Amino acid sequence: MDDNTALLKVRASSDATRLASAISHALYDGKEVSLRSIGAGAVNQSVKALAIAQSYVGSKGLSLTCRPGFTSVTMDDGETVTAILFKVYSQ
């Protein structure tokens, strides 16, 4: 990852409002934003955060889009799991 990329790792316990704020500020800073979610609860929080972030950036005339995909993540114990990766774009 470089300085122009923001990888936000989402958990089921993540606060959607705080995540939305992080998404918005990263986009304002011109960064490429990705949300990495492992598990149904984390995916749920990611989707809620994207909806909230849209309301934040919408007031500044921006529109969010996202492209979901899959990625593999190696956990601390060596196990590889599949995660949902949301790439976020603003126009």
PDB file of N, CA and C in Angstrom:
ATOM      1  N   MET A   1       0.836  -1.178   0.000  1.00  0.00           N
ATOM      2  CA  MET A   1       0.000   0.000   0.000  1.00  0.00           C
ATOM      3  C   MET A   1       0.884   1.245   0.000  1.00  0.00           C
ATOM      4  N   ASP A   2       0.433   2.257  -0.693  1.00  0.00           N
ATOM      5  CA  ASP A   2       1.174   3.508  -0.702  1.00  0.00           C
ATOM      6  C   ASP A   2       0.403   4.572   0.082  1.00  0.00           C
ATOM      7  N   ASP A   3       0.950   5.773   0.127  1.00  0.00           N
ATOM      8  CA  ASP A   3       0.332   6.857   0.894  1.00  0.00           C
ATOM      9  C   ASP A   3      -0.969   7.343   0.273  1.00  0.00           C
ATOM     10  N   ASN A   4      -1.238   6.982  -0.968  1.00  0.00           N
ATOM     11  CA  ASN A   4      -2.447   7.424  -1.647  1.00  0.00           C
ATOM     12  C   ASN A   4      -3.582   6.414  -1.527  1.00  0.00           C
ATOM     13  N   THR A   5      -3.388   5.369  -0.733  1.00  0.00           N
ATOM     14  CA  THR A   5      -4.386   4.320  -0.585  1.00  0.00           C
ATOM     15  C   THR A   5      -4.802   4.203   0.874  1.00  0.00           C
ATOM     16  N   ALA A   6      -6.116   4.099   1.093  1.00  0.00           N
ATOM     17  CA  ALA A   6      -6.639   3.879   2.441  1.00  0.00           C
ATOM     18  C   ALA A   6      -7.354   2.529   2.461  1.00  0.00           C
ATOM     19  N   LEU A   7      -6.756   1.555   3.150  1.00  0.00           N
ATOM     20  CA  LEU A   7      -7.392   0.252   3.338  1.00  0.00           C
ATOM     21  C   LEU A   7      -8.006   0.251   4.729  1.00  0.00           C
ATOM     22  N   LEU A   8      -9.322   0.224   4.779  1.00  0.00           N
ATOM     23  CA  LEU A   8     -10.035   0.234   6.050  1.00  0.00           C
ATOM     24  C   LEU A   8     -10.510  -1.186   6.339  1.00  0.00           C
ATOM     25  N   LYS A   9     -10.023  -1.753   7.423  1.00  0.00           N
ATOM     26  CA  LYS A   9     -10.362  -3.124   7.807  1.00  0.00           C
ATOM     27  C   LYS A   9     -11.576  -3.079   8.722  1.00  0.00           C
ATOM     28  N   VAL A  10     -12.672  -3.659   8.253  1.00  0.00           N
ATOM     29  CA  VAL A  10     -13.960  -3.546   8.931  1.00  0.00           C
ATOM     30  C   VAL A  10     -14.259  -4.818   9.708  1.00  0.00           C
ATOM     31  N   ARG A  11     -14.752  -4.644  10.930  1.00  0.00           N
ATOM     32  CA  ARG A  11     -15.197  -5.754  11.776  1.00  0.00           C
ATOM     33  C   ARG A  11     -16.695  -5.626  12.003  1.00  0.00           C
ATOM     34  N   ALA A  12     -17.292  -6.687  12.492  1.00  0.00           N
ATOM     35  CA  ALA A  12     -18.713  -6.632  12.823  1.00  0.00           C
ATOM     36  C   ALA A  12     -18.976  -5.604  13.914  1.00  0.00           C
ATOM     37  N   SER A  13     -17.982  -5.346  14.752  1.00  0.00           N
ATOM     38  CA  SER A  13     -18.131  -4.382  15.846  1.00  0.00           C
ATOM     39  C   SER A  13     -17.764  -2.957  15.447  1.00  0.00           C
ATOM     40  N   SER A  14     -17.384  -2.735  14.196  1.00  0.00           N
ATOM     41  CA  SER A  14     -17.021  -1.393  13.739  1.00  0.00           C
ATOM     42  C   SER A  14     -18.228  -0.469  13.799  1.00  0.00           C
ATOM     43  N   ASP A  15     -17.991   0.770  14.203  1.00  0.00           N
ATOM     44  CA  ASP A  15     -19.047   1.781  14.243  1.00  0.00           C
ATOM     45  C   ASP A  15     -19.239   2.338  12.833  1.00  0.00           C
ATOM     46  N   ALA A  16     -20.429   2.178  12.272  1.00  0.00           N
ATOM     47  CA  ALA A  16     -20.687   2.577  10.883  1.00  0.00           C
ATOM     48  C   ALA A  16     -20.510   4.079  10.671  1.00  0.00           C
ATOM     49  N   THR A  17     -20.888   4.887  11.661  1.00  0.00           N
ATOM     50  CA  THR A  17     -20.756   6.333  11.523  1.00  0.00           C
ATOM     51  C   THR A  17     -19.297   6.754  11.491  1.00  0.00           C
ATOM     52  N   ARG A  18     -18.489   6.177  12.360  1.00  0.00           N
ATOM     53  CA  ARG A  18     -17.055   6.508  12.365  1.00  0.00           C
ATOM     54  C   ARG A  18     -16.382   6.016  11.092  1.00  0.00           C
ATOM     55  N   LEU A  19     -16.787   4.852  10.605  1.00  0.00           N
ATOM     56  CA  LEU A  19     -16.251   4.322   9.356  1.00  0.00           C
ATOM     57  C   LEU A  19     -16.629   5.229   8.187  1.00  0.00           C
ATOM     58  N   ALA A  20     -17.871   5.699   8.170  1.00  0.00           N
ATOM     59  CA  ALA A  20     -18.320   6.619   7.113  1.00  0.00           C
ATOM     60  C   ALA A  20     -17.499   7.896   7.124  1.00  0.00           C
ATOM     61  N   SER A  21     -17.193   8.381   8.306  1.00  0.00           N
ATOM     62  CA  SER A  21     -16.365   9.583   8.421  1.00  0.00           C
ATOM     63  C   SER A  21     -14.962   9.330   7.859  1.00  0.00           C
ATOM     64  N   ALA A  22     -14.401   8.166   8.174  1.00  0.00           N
ATOM     65  CA  ALA A  22     -13.070   7.818   7.656  1.00  0.00           C
ATOM     66  C   ALA A  22     -13.081   7.703   6.133  1.00  0.00           C
ATOM     67  N   ILE A  23     -14.138   7.120   5.589  1.00  0.00           N
ATOM     68  CA  ILE A  23     -14.277   7.001   4.130  1.00  0.00           C
ATOM     69  C   ILE A  23     -14.312   8.390   3.508  1.00  0.00           C
ATOM     70  N   SER A  24     -15.173   9.247   4.046  1.00  0.00           N
ATOM     71  CA  SER A  24     -15.346  10.603   3.506  1.00  0.00           C
ATOM     72  C   SER A  24     -14.044  11.393   3.540  1.00  0.00           C
ATOM     73  N   HIS A  25     -13.374  11.388   4.669  1.00  0.00           N
ATOM     74  CA  HIS A  25     -12.138  12.166   4.792  1.00  0.00           C
ATOM     75  C   HIS A  25     -11.033  11.633   3.873  1.00  0.00           C
ATOM     76  N   ALA A  26     -10.961  10.323   3.719  1.00  0.00           N
ATOM     77  CA  ALA A  26      -9.963   9.761   2.799  1.00  0.00           C
ATOM     78  C   ALA A  26     -10.254  10.196   1.363  1.00  0.00           C
ATOM     79  N   LEU A  27     -11.527  10.209   0.983  1.00  0.00           N
ATOM     80  CA  LEU A  27     -11.889  10.654  -0.364  1.00  0.00           C
ATOM     81  C   LEU A  27     -11.592  12.144  -0.545  1.00  0.00           C
ATOM     82  N   TYR A  28     -11.874  12.957   0.475  1.00  0.00           N
ATOM     83  CA  TYR A  28     -11.567  14.392   0.400  1.00  0.00           C
ATOM     84  C   TYR A  28     -10.071  14.621   0.219  1.00  0.00           C
ATOM     85  N   ASP A  29      -9.269  13.723   0.802  1.00  0.00           N
ATOM     86  CA  ASP A  29      -7.814  13.827   0.690  1.00  0.00           C
ATOM     87  C   ASP A  29      -7.290  13.255  -0.623  1.00  0.00           C
ATOM     88  N   GLY A  30      -8.190  12.766  -1.482  1.00  0.00           N
ATOM     89  CA  GLY A  30      -7.799  12.247  -2.787  1.00  0.00           C
ATOM     90  C   GLY A  30      -7.251  10.833  -2.759  1.00  0.00           C
ATOM     91  N   LYS A  31      -7.538  10.101  -1.694  1.00  0.00           N
ATOM     92  CA  LYS A  31      -7.020   8.734  -1.577  1.00  0.00           C
ATOM     93  C   LYS A  31      -7.952   7.733  -2.246  1.00  0.00           C
ATOM     94  N   GLU A  32      -7.370   6.597  -2.643  1.00  0.00           N
ATOM     95  CA  GLU A  32      -8.146   5.457  -3.124  1.00  0.00           C
ATOM     96  C   GLU A  32      -8.592   4.688  -1.890  1.00  0.00           C
ATOM     97  N   VAL A  33      -9.890   4.450  -1.762  1.00  0.00           N
ATOM     98  CA  VAL A  33     -10.435   3.840  -0.554  1.00  0.00           C
ATOM     99  C   VAL A  33     -10.911   2.423  -0.841  1.00  0.00           C
ATOM    100  N   SER A  34     -10.519   1.492   0.032  1.00  0.00           N
ATOM    101  CA  SER A  34     -10.995   0.110  -0.024  1.00  0.00           C
ATOM    102  C   SER A  34     -11.423  -0.293   1.378  1.00  0.00           C
ATOM    103  N   LEU A  35     -12.542  -1.005   1.455  1.00  0.00           N
ATOM    104  CA  LEU A  35     -13.019  -1.570   2.711  1.00  0.00           C
ATOM    105  C   LEU A  35     -12.854  -3.079   2.639  1.00  0.00           C
ATOM    106  N   ARG A  36     -12.167  -3.671   3.618  1.00  0.00           N
ATOM    107  CA  ARG A  36     -11.975  -5.126   3.643  1.00  0.00           C
ATOM    108  C   ARG A  36     -12.798  -5.700   4.792  1.00  0.00           C
ATOM    109  N   SER A  37     -13.754  -6.575   4.446  1.00  0.00           N
ATOM    110  CA  SER A  37     -14.700  -7.108   5.416  1.00  0.00           C
ATOM    111  C   SER A  37     -14.659  -8.627   5.427  1.00  0.00           C
ATOM    112  N   ILE A  38     -14.458  -9.184   6.623  1.00  0.00           N
ATOM    113  CA  ILE A  38     -14.454 -10.639   6.782  1.00  0.00           C
ATOM    114  C   ILE A  38     -15.665 -11.011   7.628  1.00  0.00           C
ATOM    115  N   GLY A  39     -16.604 -11.719   7.043  1.00  0.00           N
ATOM    116  CA  GLY A  39     -17.793 -12.158   7.758  1.00  0.00           C
ATOM    117  C   GLY A  39     -18.997 -11.289   7.452  1.00  0.00           C
ATOM    118  N   ALA A  40     -20.173 -11.872   7.688  1.00  0.00           N
ATOM    119  CA  ALA A  40     -21.434 -11.207   7.359  1.00  0.00           C
ATOM    120  C   ALA A  40     -21.638  -9.919   8.153  1.00  0.00           C
ATOM    121  N   GLY A  41     -21.286  -9.920   9.422  1.00  0.00           N
ATOM    122  CA  GLY A  41     -21.451  -8.722  10.243  1.00  0.00           C
ATOM    123  C   GLY A  41     -20.595  -7.574   9.759  1.00  0.00           C
ATOM    124  N   ALA A  42     -19.383  -7.880   9.340  1.00  0.00           N
ATOM    125  CA  ALA A  42     -18.484  -6.846   8.829  1.00  0.00           C
ATOM    126  C   ALA A  42     -18.986  -6.299   7.493  1.00  0.00           C
ATOM    127  N   VAL A  43     -19.508  -7.168   6.651  1.00  0.00           N
ATOM    128  CA  VAL A  43     -20.077  -6.716   5.373  1.00  0.00           C
ATOM    129  C   VAL A  43     -21.265  -5.794   5.643  1.00  0.00           C
ATOM    130  N   ASN A  44     -22.096  -6.152   6.613  1.00  0.00           N
ATOM    131  CA  ASN A  44     -23.243  -5.333   6.978  1.00  0.00           C
ATOM    132  C   ASN A  44     -22.789  -3.935   7.420  1.00  0.00           C
ATOM    133  N   GLN A  45     -21.780  -3.852   8.274  1.00  0.00           N
ATOM    134  CA  GLN A  45     -21.278  -2.563   8.747  1.00  0.00           C
ATOM    135  C   GLN A  45     -20.689  -1.754   7.590  1.00  0.00           C
ATOM    136  N   SER A  46     -20.032  -2.432   6.646  1.00  0.00           N
ATOM    137  CA  SER A  46     -19.460  -1.743   5.482  1.00  0.00           C
ATOM    138  C   SER A  46     -20.546  -1.103   4.638  1.00  0.00           C
ATOM    139  N   VAL A  47     -21.614  -1.838   4.394  1.00  0.00           N
ATOM    140  CA  VAL A  47     -22.703  -1.319   3.557  1.00  0.00           C
ATOM    141  C   VAL A  47     -23.391  -0.149   4.254  1.00  0.00           C
ATOM    142  N   LYS A  48     -23.622  -0.263   5.561  1.00  0.00           N
ATOM    143  CA  LYS A  48     -24.211   0.850   6.304  1.00  0.00           C
ATOM    144  C   LYS A  48     -23.308   2.077   6.248  1.00  0.00           C
ATOM    145  N   ALA A  49     -22.012   1.876   6.409  1.00  0.00           N
ATOM    146  CA  ALA A  49     -21.068   2.990   6.369  1.00  0.00           C
ATOM    147  C   ALA A  49     -21.048   3.650   4.997  1.00  0.00           C
ATOM    148  N   LEU A  50     -21.145   2.866   3.939  1.00  0.00           N
ATOM    149  CA  LEU A  50     -21.172   3.439   2.591  1.00  0.00           C
ATOM    150  C   LEU A  50     -22.412   4.308   2.394  1.00  0.00           C
ATOM    151  N   ALA A  51     -23.550   3.865   2.914  1.00  0.00           N
ATOM    152  CA  ALA A  51     -24.780   4.661   2.810  1.00  0.00           C
ATOM    153  C   ALA A  51     -24.651   5.967   3.592  1.00  0.00           C
ATOM    154  N   ILE A  52     -24.074   5.900   4.774  1.00  0.00           N
ATOM    155  CA  ILE A  52     -23.875   7.107   5.582  1.00  0.00           C
ATOM    156  C   ILE A  52     -22.864   8.035   4.910  1.00  0.00           C
ATOM    157  N   ALA A  53     -21.781   7.472   4.400  1.00  0.00           N
ATOM    158  CA  ALA A  53     -20.749   8.276   3.726  1.00  0.00           C
ATOM    159  C   ALA A  53     -21.332   9.002   2.518  1.00  0.00           C
ATOM    160  N   GLN A  54     -22.272   8.367   1.818  1.00  0.00           N
ATOM    161  CA  GLN A  54     -22.914   9.027   0.677  1.00  0.00           C
ATOM    162  C   GLN A  54     -23.619  10.305   1.127  1.00  0.00           C
ATOM    163  N   SER A  55     -24.260  10.254   2.292  1.00  0.00           N
ATOM    164  CA  SER A  55     -24.934  11.464   2.779  1.00  0.00           C
ATOM    165  C   SER A  55     -23.914  12.546   3.140  1.00  0.00           C
ATOM    166  N   TYR A  56     -22.745  12.151   3.629  1.00  0.00           N
ATOM    167  CA  TYR A  56     -21.704  13.130   3.952  1.00  0.00           C
ATOM    168  C   TYR A  56     -21.152  13.787   2.693  1.00  0.00           C
ATOM    169  N   VAL A  57     -20.751  12.994   1.714  1.00  0.00           N
ATOM    170  CA  VAL A  57     -20.122  13.555   0.514  1.00  0.00           C
ATOM    171  C   VAL A  57     -21.153  14.188  -0.421  1.00  0.00           C
ATOM    172  N   GLY A  58     -22.397  13.734  -0.334  1.00  0.00           N
ATOM    173  CA  GLY A  58     -23.451  14.299  -1.175  1.00  0.00           C
ATOM    174  C   GLY A  58     -23.659  15.778  -0.921  1.00  0.00           C
ATOM    175  N   SER A  59     -23.472  16.202   0.327  1.00  0.00           N
ATOM    176  CA  SER A  59     -23.639  17.612   0.658  1.00  0.00           C
ATOM    177  C   SER A  59     -22.540  18.472   0.025  1.00  0.00           C
ATOM    178  N   LYS A  60     -21.475  17.830  -0.439  1.00  0.00           N
ATOM    179  CA  LYS A  60     -20.384  18.552  -1.116  1.00  0.00           C
ATOM    180  C   LYS A  60     -20.423  18.331  -2.634  1.00  0.00           C
ATOM    181  N   GLY A  61     -21.542  17.773  -3.115  1.00  0.00           N
ATOM    182  CA  GLY A  61     -21.724  17.592  -4.548  1.00  0.00           C
ATOM    183  C   GLY A  61     -21.069  16.360  -5.132  1.00  0.00           C
ATOM    184  N   LEU A  62     -20.635  15.422  -4.284  1.00  0.00           N
ATOM    185  CA  LEU A  62     -20.014  14.195  -4.768  1.00  0.00           C
ATOM    186  C   LEU A  62     -21.004  13.042  -4.731  1.00  0.00           C
ATOM    187  N   SER A  63     -20.730  12.043  -5.514  1.00  0.00           N
ATOM    188  CA  SER A  63     -21.536  10.829  -5.541  1.00  0.00           C
ATOM    189  C   SER A  63     -20.612   9.630  -5.378  1.00  0.00           C
ATOM    190  N   LEU A  64     -20.967   8.717  -4.479  1.00  0.00           N
ATOM    191  CA  LEU A  64     -20.158   7.522  -4.250  1.00  0.00           C
ATOM    192  C   LEU A  64     -20.635   6.365  -5.111  1.00  0.00           C
ATOM    193  N   THR A  65     -19.681   5.586  -5.570  1.00  0.00           N
ATOM    194  CA  THR A  65     -19.968   4.292  -6.171  1.00  0.00           C
ATOM    195  C   THR A  65     -18.990   3.304  -5.551  1.00  0.00           C
ATOM    196  N   CYS A  66     -19.348   2.033  -5.585  1.00  0.00           N
ATOM    197  CA  CYS A  66     -18.410   1.032  -5.083  1.00  0.00           C
ATOM    198  C   CYS A  66     -18.463  -0.195  -5.965  1.00  0.00           C
ATOM    199  N   ARG A  67     -17.356  -0.878  -6.001  1.00  0.00           N
ATOM    200  CA  ARG A  67     -17.239  -2.109  -6.770  1.00  0.00           C
ATOM    201  C   ARG A  67     -16.813  -3.198  -5.800  1.00  0.00           C
ATOM    202  N   PRO A  68     -17.709  -4.151  -5.515  1.00  0.00           N
ATOM    203  CA  PRO A  68     -17.362  -5.238  -4.598  1.00  0.00           C
ATOM    204  C   PRO A  68     -16.579  -6.333  -5.312  1.00  0.00           C
ATOM    205  N   GLY A  69     -15.734  -6.992  -4.558  1.00  0.00           N
ATOM    206  CA  GLY A  69     -14.963  -8.110  -5.087  1.00  0.00           C
ATOM    207  C   GLY A  69     -14.483  -8.981  -3.943  1.00  0.00           C
ATOM    208  N   PHE A  70     -13.688  -9.976  -4.268  1.00  0.00           N
ATOM    209  CA  PHE A  70     -13.148 -10.889  -3.263  1.00  0.00           C
ATOM    210  C   PHE A  70     -11.641 -10.712  -3.162  1.00  0.00           C
ATOM    211  N   THR A  71     -11.107 -11.001  -1.988  1.00  0.00           N
ATOM    212  CA  THR A  71      -9.671 -11.033  -1.772  1.00  0.00           C
ATOM    213  C   THR A  71      -9.374 -12.108  -0.734  1.00  0.00           C
ATOM    214  N   SER A  72      -8.169 -12.603  -0.727  1.00  0.00           N
ATOM    215  CA  SER A  72      -7.755 -13.595   0.271  1.00  0.00           C
ATOM    216  C   SER A  72      -6.899 -12.910   1.322  1.00  0.00           C
ATOM    217  N   VAL A  73      -7.125 -13.289   2.570  1.00  0.00           N
ATOM    218  CA  VAL A  73      -6.393 -12.702   3.691  1.00  0.00           C
ATOM    219  C   VAL A  73      -5.790 -13.834   4.509  1.00  0.00           C
ATOM    220  N   THR A  74      -4.505 -13.743   4.797  1.00  0.00           N
ATOM    221  CA  THR A  74      -3.852 -14.725   5.660  1.00  0.00           C
ATOM    222  C   THR A  74      -3.934 -14.221   7.092  1.00  0.00           C
ATOM    223  N   MET A  75      -4.555 -15.000   7.948  1.00  0.00           N
ATOM    224  CA  MET A  75      -4.730 -14.629   9.349  1.00  0.00           C
ATOM    225  C   MET A  75      -3.442 -14.900  10.120  1.00  0.00           C
ATOM    226  N   ASP A  76      -3.399 -14.446  11.381  1.00  0.00           N
ATOM    227  CA  ASP A  76      -2.210 -14.614  12.218  1.00  0.00           C
ATOM    228  C   ASP A  76      -1.835 -16.077  12.417  1.00  0.00           C
ATOM    229  N   ASP A  77      -2.842 -16.966  12.414  1.00  0.00           N
ATOM    230  CA  ASP A  77      -2.573 -18.395  12.635  1.00  0.00           C
ATOM    231  C   ASP A  77      -2.191 -19.127  11.347  1.00  0.00           C
ATOM    232  N   GLY A  78      -2.048 -18.390  10.246  1.00  0.00           N
ATOM    233  CA  GLY A  78      -1.656 -18.988   8.970  1.00  0.00           C
ATOM    234  C   GLY A  78      -2.820 -19.410   8.096  1.00  0.00           C
ATOM    235  N   GLU A  79      -4.028 -19.368   8.635  1.00  0.00           N
ATOM    236  CA  GLU A  79      -5.220 -19.745   7.872  1.00  0.00           C
ATOM    237  C   GLU A  79      -5.543 -18.650   6.853  1.00  0.00           C
ATOM    238  N   THR A  80      -5.927 -19.058   5.653  1.00  0.00           N
ATOM    239  CA  THR A  80      -6.329 -18.114   4.620  1.00  0.00           C
ATOM    240  C   THR A  80      -7.848 -18.082   4.547  1.00  0.00           C
ATOM    241  N   VAL A  81      -8.415 -16.875   4.614  1.00  0.00           N
ATOM    242  CA  VAL A  81      -9.864 -16.704   4.535  1.00  0.00           C
ATOM    243  C   VAL A  81     -10.186 -15.765   3.381  1.00  0.00           C
ATOM    244  N   THR A  82     -11.410 -15.839   2.917  1.00  0.00           N
ATOM    245  CA  THR A  82     -11.873 -14.961   1.855  1.00  0.00           C
ATOM    246  C   THR A  82     -12.574 -13.769   2.473  1.00  0.00           C
ATOM    247  N   ALA A  83     -12.276 -12.593   1.964  1.00  0.00           N
ATOM    248  CA  ALA A  83     -12.902 -11.363   2.437  1.00  0.00           C
ATOM    249  C   ALA A  83     -13.583 -10.671   1.260  1.00  0.00           C
ATOM    250  N   ILE A  84     -14.574  -9.852   1.585  1.00  0.00           N
ATOM    251  CA  ILE A  84     -15.196  -8.986   0.589  1.00  0.00           C
ATOM    252  C   ILE A  84     -14.409  -7.679   0.585  1.00  0.00           C
ATOM    253  N   LEU A  85     -14.044  -7.210  -0.600  1.00  0.00           N
ATOM    254  CA  LEU A  85     -13.307  -5.955  -0.741  1.00  0.00           C
ATOM    255  C   LEU A  85     -14.184  -4.985  -1.522  1.00  0.00           C
ATOM    256  N   PHE A  86     -14.547  -3.878  -0.871  1.00  0.00           N
ATOM    257  CA  PHE A  86     -15.326  -2.828  -1.528  1.00  0.00           C
ATOM    258  C   PHE A  86     -14.358  -1.730  -1.944  1.00  0.00           C
ATOM    259  N   LYS A  87     -14.217  -1.504  -3.243  1.00  0.00           N
ATOM    260  CA  LYS A  87     -13.433  -0.376  -3.762  1.00  0.00           C
ATOM    261  C   LYS A  87     -14.415   0.789  -3.885  1.00  0.00           C
ATOM    262  N   VAL A  88     -14.073   1.927  -3.294  1.00  0.00           N
ATOM    263  CA  VAL A  88     -14.969   3.073  -3.241  1.00  0.00           C
ATOM    264  C   VAL A  88     -14.441   4.172  -4.153  1.00  0.00           C
ATOM    265  N   TYR A  89     -15.338   4.735  -4.945  1.00  0.00           N
ATOM    266  CA  TYR A  89     -14.993   5.805  -5.874  1.00  0.00           C
ATOM    267  C   TYR A  89     -15.930   6.978  -5.678  1.00  0.00           C
ATOM    268  N   SER A  90     -15.449   8.188  -5.938  1.00  0.00           N
ATOM    269  CA  SER A  90     -16.313   9.361  -5.887  1.00  0.00           C
ATOM    270  C   SER A  90     -16.248  10.090  -7.210  1.00  0.00           C
ATOM    271  N   GLN A  91     -17.380  10.711  -7.544  1.00  0.00           N
ATOM    272  CA  GLN A  91     -17.475  11.470  -8.800  1.00  0.00           C
ATOM    273  C   GLN A  91     -18.006  12.846  -8.492  1.00  0.00           C
TER     274      GLN A  91
END
